[in-house]
Amino acid sequence: MLRRLNRCGVVCLLRWLAVLAFTLIVPFKQSFARDADARQLAEKLRAATVRIETPTDLSSGVIVSSNGLILSVAHGVTAADRAVTVYLHDGRSFKGRVSFRNTQLDVAGIQIAAGPQGRLPDPIALQGDTSGPAVHEQRPIVFACGYPARESSGQSPVLRMGRIEAQDKNAIRTSCVLTAGDSGGPLVNSAGRLIGLHRRIGVGRQVNVHIPVNVVRTAVSRHVELTAPDGHALSSAQFNPTPSEQVSRELRLRTAYFYSSSEVESFLAGTWLTPSLVTTKLSELPTEIVALTCGRSRETAVGFSQVAVDRQRDLVFVRLHESSDMSVPPIGTPDAAALSVGSIVFSDPRASIGIVARTDHQESAVTPRLGVELQLRSGNIFIEKVNPLGAASDAELLPGDRLMKIADADLANLNDVASALSNYQPGDLVVLDVERDEQLFRRIGRLTFSANRLLQRANFLVGRAGELSRRRTGFSGVIQHDANLSPPQMGGPLVNSHGQWVGVNIARRGRESVLAIPADTVARVLKSLTR
C-alpha cells in the first residue's frame, strides 16, 4: 500500500513538473518567436527607409519598387527641388530626381538608380485596400521608421512601435511617436506592408498622423503604376507581444526607487545589482544636503553612501546601509544575439513596452553652457556678467567674482575654462570655486544647452510629447529604444522579452528615443571603478 502511494506521489510529481516546464517553456518559445518576427521586420523596414535632403529641408521616404522609386510627402520637397540627395540606412548616398509632387494629397515621388553604388534594398509593398473600418477595430500593432532631423545625414533610421488609435479615409492616427524629419517615412503593419506615410506630429504621444495607403495609391496612380504585392510580406499578421511572468518578475525585483525627505513620491528610479548595491543616473541625484533614501518603497527605503561614479556614462553606484530584505536576481550576461535592432524590451514595473531602434549607438556630445562672460586680468579670471538660466546663475555667482576652479581644475586662462568644461555635457552638475570679497566659496550649478540650439526647429520639437532628461547627449555604445518612460524613470532597468536584464535606462533623449547603458557595460564599469 505504501509503495503504491509512493508510486502515485512520484507520478503526480512528474506530471506537475511537466506542467510547470510547459508553462515556462511555451512563453519562452513565444517570446523568442515574437522577437524573431520583429527583428525580421525591422531589418526589412530600416533597409527600405531613406533620408531625403534638399537645400532647405530634411525628410524621410520609402523605397516601393525595385527600380528605385521612393514615396515621400510633398511638403518635404519644394517645387524648386528638382534634384535631391537620398541617404540609405548603410550611409550610401544617391542623387535623386523629384518625379512628381501632389500637393493636394501631400504625396511626392523621387527616382534614384543603383548605378555604381551597388544593389538597392528590397522595396516595401503597399498593403491592399484598407478603407474598411473593421480592419482596425482591435488597435493592431504597427511600426514606423524615419530619420530624426536633429541627427546628421549618414546615420541609420530610427524604428518605432505603436498601435493604431483612430482612422478615417483621410488620415491614420497612431502611437508610433514621430519627430521632426520623419515626414514621408513608412508606416507598416505587422506583415511588413506599407499602410501609410508619416505626415504630422502632434502634441501628445498618441497624436501622430499618417497618410493612408489608399490616399497614397490615388496620388501615385496619376503618375506611375505600382505592381501588386509581390510576396515579400512577413508571416506574422497577429503580432501582439505581452510581458511574460519572467519579465514582470525581473522588473519588479530589479527596480529600486530614490526618495527625499521633502517628497512623498520617489524622484528617481534605480537598478539593483546586489542586495546592497544600486546604480542610477548621476546627474539627477541631488548634491545638496538632504536626507536621501533608497529601496523598493518609501517604507523599506534606507540611507546609502556613494561607492563610485562614471561621469561619462552619467552613472553613480551607491551602497545601502542595510541590505535589501528581498532577493535580487544575479547579474547574468545575456546572449549578445538576444538583443538586436527589432528586439522587444520592457521597462519599469508596469512593463512599458518598446522596440530596440539601435545598438552600440553614439549620441553626439554637445558643448555645455556655463552662462557667464569672463575677462582675464593680471592672470586671474573674473566674471563680468552672469546670464540667466545658466550654471553660473544656478550657482548664484555674481559679477566681480574671481573664478578659481571648475571641478577642482585650476584656471590660469580662458583655455583652461574650455578644457575643464570639455569633460561635461549640458545637464551635468559642476562644482565651481570662486573668490568674493577675499572669501572662498564653493558652489554647484547645472550646465545647460545654448539658447540658440534649443530654439532650432528640430530640437524644439523633440520635447513636444513630454519632458526630456536634462543630461541627454554625449553617450557612446548605448541602446536606443522607444518605451514610454519619463525622466524620473531613468536609472531603472531594461529587460528583454526573455526576462533578462539587458541595461540601465539613462536618458529620455527625444519624443521617440530613450537611451540605455548595456548591462555588460554597467558590470564592466562597476568592476573597474571598485577595483
Foldseek 3Di string as FASTA:
>chain_A
DVVVVVVVVVVVVVVVVVVVVCLQVVLLVVQVVLLVLLVVLLVQQQQQKKWKADPVAIAIWGQADQQAKTKFFLVRDDPPCQWIWIAGQQQDIFIWGWQDHDNVLGMTIIGTGCPPVDGGGDGAAADPDPQDPVVQPPFAKKKWWWDQPVDDRRHTIFIWIWTFPDDHQFKTWILRADAGRHGHTFIGASQRHGQFTWHDGDLASRGTITGGVVSVCVVCVVRDDHDHDDPSTHDDRRNDDDADPLQLVQQLQFKKFKDWPVDQDGQAIWGDAFQFKIKFFQLPDDPDDTQMWMGSHPVQTAGWAWDFDDQLLRMTMITGPDGYPDGHDHADDDDPVQAAFSFWKFHHSVGQIKTWGHFQDAFAADQWDQQFDWDADPQWIFTQGGHPPAFCVQQVHDGGKTWADKQPQGDRDVVSVSVSRVSHGQSHKIWTWIADPNDIDITIGGTQHDPVVCPDRSNVGFCSNHDWRRDAGSDGRKIKIFGDDDNNHFNGFMATSSSHTFFGFHIRRGNRITITHTSVVVVVVVVVGND
